[in-house]
C-alpha atoms as a PDB file:
ATOM      1  CA  UNK A   1     277.598  -0.914-191.346  1.00  0.00           C
ATOM      2  CA  UNK A   2     274.941  -3.560-191.415  1.00  0.00           C
ATOM      3  CA  UNK A   3     275.366  -4.048-187.671  1.00  0.00           C
ATOM      4  CA  UNK A   4     274.838  -0.341-187.091  1.00  0.00           C
ATOM      5  CA  UNK A   5     271.655  -0.356-189.164  1.00  0.00           C
ATOM      6  CA  UNK A   6     270.409  -3.416-187.341  1.00  0.00           C
ATOM      7  CA  UNK A   7     270.997  -1.664-183.999  1.00  0.00           C
ATOM      8  CA  UNK A   8     269.139   1.424-185.140  1.00  0.00           C
ATOM      9  CA  UNK A   9     266.221  -0.679-186.341  1.00  0.00           C
ATOM     10  CA  UNK A  10     266.035  -2.564-183.070  1.00  0.00           C
ATOM     11  CA  UNK A  11     266.257   0.660-181.053  1.00  0.00           C
ATOM     12  CA  UNK A  12     263.556   2.239-183.159  1.00  0.00           C
ATOM     13  CA  UNK A  13     261.312  -0.732-182.778  1.00  0.00           C
ATOM     14  CA  UNK A  14     261.767  -0.803-179.006  1.00  0.00           C
ATOM     15  CA  UNK A  15     261.111   2.893-178.773  1.00  0.00           C
ATOM     16  CA  UNK A  16     257.959   2.577-180.826  1.00  0.00           C
ATOM     17  CA  UNK A  17     256.718  -0.185-178.561  1.00  0.00           C
ATOM     18  CA  UNK A  18     257.413   1.880-175.452  1.00  0.00           C
ATOM     19  CA  UNK A  19     255.715   4.903-176.941  1.00  0.00           C
ATOM     20  CA  UNK A  20     252.727   2.754-177.950  1.00  0.00           C
ATOM     21  CA  UNK A  21     252.434   1.345-174.443  1.00  0.00           C
ATOM     22  CA  UNK A  22     252.713   4.810-172.926  1.00  0.00           C
ATOM     23  CA  UNK A  23     250.024   6.117-175.258  1.00  0.00           C
ATOM     24  CA  UNK A  24     247.798   3.158-174.383  1.00  0.00           C
ATOM     25  CA  UNK A  25     248.203   3.839-170.672  1.00  0.00           C
ATOM     26  CA  UNK A  26     247.392   7.494-171.173  1.00  0.00           C
ATOM     27  CA  UNK A  27     244.327   6.550-173.177  1.00  0.00           C
ATOM     28  CA  UNK A  28     243.138   4.172-170.423  1.00  0.00           C
ATOM     29  CA  UNK A  29     243.673   6.822-167.756  1.00  0.00           C
ATOM     30  CA  UNK A  30     241.759   9.351-169.826  1.00  0.00           C
ATOM     31  CA  UNK A  31     238.879   6.917-170.231  1.00  0.00           C
ATOM     32  CA  UNK A  32     238.803   6.270-166.474  1.00  0.00           C
ATOM     33  CA  UNK A  33     238.747  10.002-165.737  1.00  0.00           C
ATOM     34  CA  UNK A  34     236.018  10.525-168.293  1.00  0.00           C
ATOM     35  CA  UNK A  35     233.991   7.724-166.742  1.00  0.00           C
ATOM     36  CA  UNK A  36     234.355   9.207-163.264  1.00  0.00           C
ATOM     37  CA  UNK A  37     233.336  12.614-164.541  1.00  0.00           C
ATOM     38  CA  UNK A  38     230.314  11.039-166.232  1.00  0.00           C
ATOM     39  CA  UNK A  39     229.252   9.399-162.962  1.00  0.00           C
ATOM     40  CA  UNK A  40     229.495  12.723-161.172  1.00  0.00           C
ATOM     41  CA  UNK A  41     227.325  14.310-163.832  1.00  0.00           C
ATOM     42  CA  UNK A  42     224.709  11.560-163.610  1.00  0.00           C
ATOM     43  CA  UNK A  43     224.499  11.616-159.809  1.00  0.00           C
ATOM     44  CA  UNK A  44     222.664  14.933-159.443  1.00  0.00           C
ATOM     45  CA  UNK A  45     220.273  13.958-162.250  1.00  0.00           C
ATOM     46  CA  UNK A  46     219.376  10.723-160.436  1.00  0.00           C
ATOM     47  CA  UNK A  47     218.797  12.552-157.145  1.00  0.00           C
ATOM     48  CA  UNK A  48     216.577  15.097-158.852  1.00  0.00           C
ATOM     49  CA  UNK A  49     214.499  12.349-160.451  1.00  0.00           C
ATOM     50  CA  UNK A  50     214.078  10.547-157.148  1.00  0.00           C
ATOM     51  CA  UNK A  51     213.090  13.758-155.401  1.00  0.00           C
ATOM     52  CA  UNK A  52     210.547  14.535-158.096  1.00  0.00           C
ATOM     53  CA  UNK A  53     209.060  11.020-157.911  1.00  0.00           C
ATOM     54  CA  UNK A  54     208.833  11.203-154.130  1.00  0.00           C
ATOM     55  CA  UNK A  55     207.117  14.575-154.352  1.00  0.00           C
ATOM     56  CA  UNK A  56     204.563  13.160-156.800  1.00  0.00           C
ATOM     57  CA  UNK A  57     203.830  10.195-154.501  1.00  0.00           C
ATOM     58  CA  UNK A  58     203.377  12.446-151.480  1.00  0.00           C
ATOM     59  CA  UNK A  59     201.111  14.753-153.469  1.00  0.00           C
ATOM     60  CA  UNK A  60     198.868  11.808-154.392  1.00  0.00           C
ATOM     61  CA  UNK A  61     198.707  10.476-150.802  1.00  0.00           C
ATOM     62  CA  UNK A  62     195.370  11.156-149.011  1.00  0.00           C
ATOM     63  CA  UNK A  63     195.396  14.189-146.756  1.00  0.00           C
ATOM     64  CA  UNK A  64     195.228  13.441-143.024  1.00  0.00           C
ATOM     65  CA  UNK A  65     192.904  15.221-140.640  1.00  0.00           C
ATOM     66  CA  UNK A  66     195.598  15.556-137.972  1.00  0.00           C
ATOM     67  CA  UNK A  67     198.173  17.217-140.257  1.00  0.00           C
ATOM     68  CA  UNK A  68     200.730  14.444-139.773  1.00  0.00           C
ATOM     69  CA  UNK A  69     203.435  13.908-142.351  1.00  0.00           C
ATOM     70  CA  UNK A  70     203.168  10.712-144.437  1.00  0.00           C
ATOM     71  CA  UNK A  71     206.292   9.309-142.768  1.00  0.00           C
ATOM     72  CA  UNK A  72     204.909   9.932-139.282  1.00  0.00           C
ATOM     73  CA  UNK A  73     201.533   8.517-140.272  1.00  0.00           C
ATOM     74  CA  UNK A  74     203.147   5.377-141.660  1.00  0.00           C
ATOM     75  CA  UNK A  75     205.101   4.893-138.448  1.00  0.00           C
ATOM     76  CA  UNK A  76     201.959   5.227-136.325  1.00  0.00           C
ATOM     77  CA  UNK A  77     199.901   2.978-138.619  1.00  0.00           C
ATOM     78  CA  UNK A  78     202.487   0.214-138.278  1.00  0.00           C
ATOM     79  CA  UNK A  79     202.505   0.519-134.485  1.00  0.00           C
ATOM     80  CA  UNK A  80     198.719   0.874-134.158  1.00  0.00           C
ATOM     81  CA  UNK A  81     196.653  -0.108-137.235  1.00  0.00           C
ATOM     82  CA  UNK A  82     194.002   2.488-138.115  1.00  0.00           C
ATOM     83  CA  UNK A  83     191.321  -0.194-138.111  1.00  0.00           C
ATOM     84  CA  UNK A  84     191.769  -0.421-134.344  1.00  0.00           C
ATOM     85  CA  UNK A  85     191.958   3.327-133.708  1.00  0.00           C
ATOM     86  CA  UNK A  86     189.825   6.465-133.814  1.00  0.00           C
ATOM     87  CA  UNK A  87     190.621  10.111-133.167  1.00  0.00           C
ATOM     88  CA  UNK A  88     189.751   9.491-129.535  1.00  0.00           C
ATOM     89  CA  UNK A  89     192.182   6.593-129.321  1.00  0.00           C
ATOM     90  CA  UNK A  90     189.587   3.830-129.033  1.00  0.00           C
ATOM     91  CA  UNK A  91     188.934   0.994-131.387  1.00  0.00           C
ATOM     92  CA  UNK A  92     186.122   1.292-133.882  1.00  0.00           C
ATOM     93  CA  UNK A  93     183.586  -1.527-134.320  1.00  0.00           C
ATOM     94  CA  UNK A  94     179.854  -1.354-134.951  1.00  0.00           C
ATOM     95  CA  UNK A  95     177.443  -3.481-132.925  1.00  0.00           C
ATOM     96  CA  UNK A  96     174.552  -4.466-135.143  1.00  0.00           C
ATOM     97  CA  UNK A  97     171.035  -4.840-133.808  1.00  0.00           C
ATOM     98  CA  UNK A  98     171.173  -2.733-130.623  1.00  0.00           C
ATOM     99  CA  UNK A  99     169.316   0.456-129.750  1.00  0.00           C
ATOM    100  CA  UNK A 100     172.529   2.169-128.585  1.00  0.00           C
ATOM    101  CA  UNK A 101     176.261   1.988-129.153  1.00  0.00           C
ATOM    102  CA  UNK A 102     179.390   2.661-127.150  1.00  0.00           C
ATOM    103  CA  UNK A 103     179.958   6.415-126.954  1.00  0.00           C
ATOM    104  CA  UNK A 104     176.242   7.257-127.049  1.00  0.00           C
ATOM    105  CA  UNK A 105     174.544   9.227-124.285  1.00  0.00           C
ATOM    106  CA  UNK A 106     171.261   8.003-122.810  1.00  0.00           C
ATOM    107  CA  UNK A 107     168.815  10.497-121.277  1.00  0.00           C
ATOM    108  CA  UNK A 108     165.833   9.486-119.151  1.00  0.00           C
ATOM    109  CA  UNK A 109     162.669  11.563-119.104  1.00  0.00           C
ATOM    110  CA  UNK A 110     163.378  12.058-115.385  1.00  0.00           C
ATOM    111  CA  UNK A 111     166.596  13.937-116.293  1.00  0.00           C
ATOM    112  CA  UNK A 112     169.351  11.385-115.561  1.00  0.00           C
ATOM    113  CA  UNK A 113     172.087  10.957-118.150  1.00  0.00           C
ATOM    114  CA  UNK A 114     174.508   8.111-118.811  1.00  0.00           C
ATOM    115  CA  UNK A 115     177.488   8.240-121.175  1.00  0.00           C
ATOM    116  CA  UNK A 116     178.277   4.721-122.404  1.00  0.00           C
ATOM    117  CA  UNK A 117     182.039   4.698-121.921  1.00  0.00           C
ATOM    118  CA  UNK A 118     182.636   0.940-121.863  1.00  0.00           C
ATOM    119  CA  UNK A 119     180.923  -2.376-121.615  1.00  0.00           C
ATOM    120  CA  UNK A 120     180.847  -6.141-121.957  1.00  0.00           C
ATOM    121  CA  UNK A 121     179.481  -7.735-125.115  1.00  0.00           C
ATOM    122  CA  UNK A 122     177.771 -11.032-124.247  1.00  0.00           C
ATOM    123  CA  UNK A 123     177.580 -13.520-127.102  1.00  0.00           C
ATOM    124  CA  UNK A 124     176.443 -16.968-128.094  1.00  0.00           C
ATOM    125  CA  UNK A 125     177.185 -17.340-131.812  1.00  0.00           C
ATOM    126  CA  UNK A 126     176.439 -13.625-132.161  1.00  0.00           C
ATOM    127  CA  UNK A 127     176.071 -10.817-129.572  1.00  0.00           C
ATOM    128  CA  UNK A 128     172.794 -11.197-127.678  1.00  0.00           C
ATOM    129  CA  UNK A 129     173.233  -8.504-125.003  1.00  0.00           C
ATOM    130  CA  UNK A 130     175.574  -5.722-123.905  1.00  0.00           C
ATOM    131  CA  UNK A 131     176.271  -4.529-120.366  1.00  0.00           C
ATOM    132  CA  UNK A 132     177.337  -0.889-120.752  1.00  0.00           C
ATOM    133  CA  UNK A 133     179.062   1.033-117.949  1.00  0.00           C
ATOM    134  CA  UNK A 134     178.516   4.766-117.391  1.00  0.00           C
ATOM    135  CA  UNK A 135     181.106   6.050-114.889  1.00  0.00           C
ATOM    136  CA  UNK A 136     180.340   9.713-115.605  1.00  0.00           C
ATOM    137  CA  UNK A 137     176.749   9.472-114.432  1.00  0.00           C
ATOM    138  CA  UNK A 138     175.707  11.187-111.184  1.00  0.00           C
ATOM    139  CA  UNK A 139     175.546   7.713-109.655  1.00  0.00           C
ATOM    140  CA  UNK A 140     177.602   4.892-111.133  1.00  0.00           C
ATOM    141  CA  UNK A 141     175.246   2.831-113.234  1.00  0.00           C
ATOM    142  CA  UNK A 142     175.171   0.183-115.913  1.00  0.00           C
ATOM    143  CA  UNK A 143     172.853  -0.165-118.882  1.00  0.00           C
ATOM    144  CA  UNK A 144     171.832  -3.660-119.904  1.00  0.00           C
ATOM    145  CA  UNK A 145     170.607  -3.894-123.500  1.00  0.00           C
ATOM    146  CA  UNK A 146     169.366  -6.928-125.354  1.00  0.00           C
ATOM    147  CA  UNK A 147     169.430  -7.279-129.126  1.00  0.00           C
ATOM    148  CA  UNK A 148     166.451  -6.155-131.177  1.00  0.00           C
ATOM    149  CA  UNK A 149     163.536  -6.530-131.589  1.00  0.00           C
ATOM    150  CA  UNK A 150     163.633  -5.563-127.877  1.00  0.00           C
ATOM    151  CA  UNK A 151     163.887  -1.778-127.561  1.00  0.00           C
ATOM    152  CA  UNK A 152     163.579  -1.631-123.787  1.00  0.00           C
ATOM    153  CA  UNK A 153     166.698  -1.519-121.598  1.00  0.00           C
ATOM    154  CA  UNK A 154     167.624  -1.934-117.945  1.00  0.00           C
ATOM    155  CA  UNK A 155     168.958   1.091-116.041  1.00  0.00           C
ATOM    156  CA  UNK A 156     170.832  -0.518-113.134  1.00  0.00           C
ATOM    157  CA  UNK A 157     173.150   0.265-110.219  1.00  0.00           C
ATOM    158  CA  UNK A 158     175.815  -2.048-108.749  1.00  0.00           C
ATOM    159  CA  UNK A 159     174.664  -4.256-105.909  1.00  0.00           C
ATOM    160  CA  UNK A 160     176.574  -6.295-103.326  1.00  0.00           C
ATOM    161  CA  UNK A 161     176.484  -9.816-104.833  1.00  0.00           C
ATOM    162  CA  UNK A 162     176.268 -11.449-101.403  1.00  0.00           C
ATOM    163  CA  UNK A 163     172.844  -9.859-101.006  1.00  0.00           C
ATOM    164  CA  UNK A 164     171.395 -12.005-103.783  1.00  0.00           C
ATOM    165  CA  UNK A 165     173.801 -14.908-104.280  1.00  0.00           C
ATOM    166  CA  UNK A 166     175.493 -16.818-101.490  1.00  0.00           C
ATOM    167  CA  UNK A 167     177.084 -19.498-103.643  1.00  0.00           C
ATOM    168  CA  UNK A 168     176.484 -21.956-106.438  1.00  0.00           C
ATOM    169  CA  UNK A 169     174.183 -21.236-109.358  1.00  0.00           C
ATOM    170  CA  UNK A 170     171.957 -18.138-109.580  1.00  0.00           C
ATOM    171  CA  UNK A 171     168.730 -19.248-107.862  1.00  0.00           C
ATOM    172  CA  UNK A 172     165.351 -19.446-109.540  1.00  0.00           C
ATOM    173  CA  UNK A 173     164.031 -16.649-107.301  1.00  0.00           C
ATOM    174  CA  UNK A 174     165.546 -13.901-105.145  1.00  0.00           C
ATOM    175  CA  UNK A 175     164.107 -11.589-102.507  1.00  0.00           C
ATOM    176  CA  UNK A 176     165.816  -8.242-102.089  1.00  0.00           C
ATOM    177  CA  UNK A 177     164.660  -5.068-100.346  1.00  0.00           C
ATOM    178  CA  UNK A 178     161.262  -6.579 -99.662  1.00  0.00           C
ATOM    179  CA  UNK A 179     160.641  -7.341-103.366  1.00  0.00           C
ATOM    180  CA  UNK A 180     160.548 -10.831-104.839  1.00  0.00           C
ATOM    181  CA  UNK A 181     162.298 -11.402-108.173  1.00  0.00           C
ATOM    182  CA  UNK A 182     161.769 -14.412-110.411  1.00  0.00           C
ATOM    183  CA  UNK A 183     164.447 -15.598-112.807  1.00  0.00           C
ATOM    184  CA  UNK A 184     163.312 -15.075-116.398  1.00  0.00           C
ATOM    185  CA  UNK A 185     166.458 -16.072-118.275  1.00  0.00           C
ATOM    186  CA  UNK A 186     169.678 -17.957-117.602  1.00  0.00           C
ATOM    187  CA  UNK A 187     172.291 -18.074-120.343  1.00  0.00           C
ATOM    188  CA  UNK A 188     175.933 -19.214-120.509  1.00  0.00           C
ATOM    189  CA  UNK A 189     177.641 -16.568-122.665  1.00  0.00           C
ATOM    190  CA  UNK A 190     181.070 -15.457-123.849  1.00  0.00           C
ATOM    191  CA  UNK A 191     182.050 -11.957-122.685  1.00  0.00           C
ATOM    192  CA  UNK A 192     184.207  -9.440-124.558  1.00  0.00           C
ATOM    193  CA  UNK A 193     185.185  -6.154-122.949  1.00  0.00           C
ATOM    194  CA  UNK A 194     184.934  -2.968-124.990  1.00  0.00           C
ATOM    195  CA  UNK A 195     185.673   0.698-124.378  1.00  0.00           C
ATOM    196  CA  UNK A 196     186.986   1.780-120.967  1.00  0.00           C
ATOM    197  CA  UNK A 197     185.968   0.830-117.444  1.00  0.00           C
ATOM    198  CA  UNK A 198     184.321  -2.468-118.369  1.00  0.00           C
ATOM    199  CA  UNK A 199     184.306  -5.060-115.566  1.00  0.00           C
ATOM    200  CA  UNK A 200     186.467  -8.152-115.912  1.00  0.00           C
ATOM    201  CA  UNK A 201     184.216 -11.218-115.924  1.00  0.00           C
ATOM    202  CA  UNK A 202     186.689 -13.736-117.299  1.00  0.00           C
ATOM    203  CA  UNK A 203     186.241 -15.635-120.545  1.00  0.00           C
ATOM    204  CA  UNK A 204     182.903 -17.320-119.761  1.00  0.00           C
ATOM    205  CA  UNK A 205     179.943 -16.151-117.708  1.00  0.00           C
ATOM    206  CA  UNK A 206     176.445 -17.211-116.673  1.00  0.00           C
ATOM    207  CA  UNK A 207     173.938 -14.363-117.005  1.00  0.00           C
ATOM    208  CA  UNK A 208     170.737 -14.535-114.940  1.00  0.00           C
ATOM    209  CA  UNK A 209     167.939 -12.005-115.486  1.00  0.00           C
ATOM    210  CA  UNK A 210     165.299 -11.456-112.802  1.00  0.00           C
ATOM    211  CA  UNK A 211     161.987  -9.583-112.968  1.00  0.00           C
ATOM    212  CA  UNK A 212     159.580  -8.414-110.276  1.00  0.00           C
ATOM    213  CA  UNK A 213     155.841  -7.936-110.605  1.00  0.00           C
ATOM    214  CA  UNK A 214     156.540  -4.271-111.413  1.00  0.00           C
ATOM    215  CA  UNK A 215     159.363  -2.542-113.314  1.00  0.00           C
ATOM    216  CA  UNK A 216     162.169  -3.518-110.902  1.00  0.00           C
ATOM    217  CA  UNK A 217     164.836  -5.781-112.338  1.00  0.00           C
ATOM    218  CA  UNK A 218     167.866  -7.719-111.104  1.00  0.00           C
ATOM    219  CA  UNK A 219     170.857  -8.908-113.109  1.00  0.00           C
ATOM    220  CA  UNK A 220     173.488 -11.405-111.925  1.00  0.00           C
ATOM    221  CA  UNK A 221     176.709 -12.318-113.759  1.00  0.00           C
ATOM    222  CA  UNK A 222     178.724 -15.258-112.462  1.00  0.00           C
ATOM    223  CA  UNK A 223     182.104 -15.764-114.144  1.00  0.00           C
ATOM    224  CA  UNK A 224     183.787 -19.145-114.537  1.00  0.00           C
ATOM    225  CA  UNK A 225     186.513 -17.732-112.280  1.00  0.00           C
ATOM    226  CA  UNK A 226     183.968 -17.494-109.449  1.00  0.00           C
ATOM    227  CA  UNK A 227     183.630 -13.696-109.576  1.00  0.00           C
ATOM    228  CA  UNK A 228     180.001 -12.571-109.178  1.00  0.00           C
ATOM    229  CA  UNK A 229     178.561  -9.181-110.109  1.00  0.00           C
ATOM    230  CA  UNK A 230     175.008  -8.097-109.365  1.00  0.00           C
ATOM    231  CA  UNK A 231     172.907  -5.082-110.360  1.00  0.00           C
ATOM    232  CA  UNK A 232     169.442  -3.776-109.552  1.00  0.00           C
ATOM    233  CA  UNK A 233     167.314  -1.129-111.231  1.00  0.00           C
ATOM    234  CA  UNK A 234     164.391  -0.459-113.551  1.00  0.00           C
ATOM    235  CA  UNK A 235     163.301  -1.545-116.995  1.00  0.00           C
ATOM    236  CA  UNK A 236     162.749   1.442-119.284  1.00  0.00           C
ATOM    237  CA  UNK A 237     160.435   1.302-122.263  1.00  0.00           C
ATOM    238  CA  UNK A 238     161.474   3.005-125.509  1.00  0.00           C
ATOM    239  CA  UNK A 239     159.462   6.145-124.848  1.00  0.00           C
ATOM    240  CA  UNK A 240     161.037   6.753-121.437  1.00  0.00           C
ATOM    241  CA  UNK A 241     164.578   7.377-122.654  1.00  0.00           C
ATOM    242  CA  UNK A 242     166.366   9.049-125.551  1.00  0.00           C
ATOM    243  CA  UNK A 243     169.560   8.029-127.327  1.00  0.00           C
ATOM    244  CA  UNK A 244     171.955  10.811-128.329  1.00  0.00           C
ATOM    245  CA  UNK A 245     174.212   9.155-130.860  1.00  0.00           C
ATOM    246  CA  UNK A 246     177.946   9.718-130.631  1.00  0.00           C
ATOM    247  CA  UNK A 247     179.692  11.478-133.516  1.00  0.00           C
ATOM    248  CA  UNK A 248     182.172   8.594-133.645  1.00  0.00           C
ATOM    249  CA  UNK A 249     180.727   5.239-132.649  1.00  0.00           C
ATOM    250  CA  UNK A 250     183.714   3.545-131.063  1.00  0.00           C
ATOM    251  CA  UNK A 251     184.359   0.052-129.756  1.00  0.00           C
ATOM    252  CA  UNK A 252     187.438  -1.822-128.494  1.00  0.00           C
ATOM    253  CA  UNK A 253     187.860  -5.484-129.278  1.00  0.00           C
END
């Protein structure tokens, strides 16, 4: 009898343990399911919050003139920083101390016009002169401008360099077309091309300015590479030309 009771007790105990383990497994499975369901519930809430935050950021972003999306604008800004770009695609830099800027239009009282599309900035420690090119003029011309206080400028046309310079340094005097020109300035300068259509004069250049007894002027640029460019034209006083400023003053460094 005692053996029978002992067997029943043992069987009961084993059954209780099995039932307890089964219940524990069920409880763990239920907790796992509940956790998964909770994650699914949280996921849409997180997405909604992120969408709302993104919408707020985009709403606070400055509006763009070209109607580009912020993502597209960011992509373009990384590829081409806005500091080096304008709506016309050119870089934007202001030249201080000159009567005109790249993009301006010059009009002479005789009716000729020149749109300053490109040029070469000539510098020592700071820019001292600019040779602008105007390819849209009736005749190709260049405008040579020195820094203020000089308000006059040179309205020039390209000239065959061999007509004024055979070799070596720019001479102290030149005769061309029956007119004698005396050299008034000779400066070694550093060139930097800007805009479009500017001539390539290397990374160092000697600039020689020549004046006649009248208003005729000559300009010679000799690059350290040996390339020589020459121009001839007239000096215009401030009252003989007008500057029509560009809406966007643009420069390319």
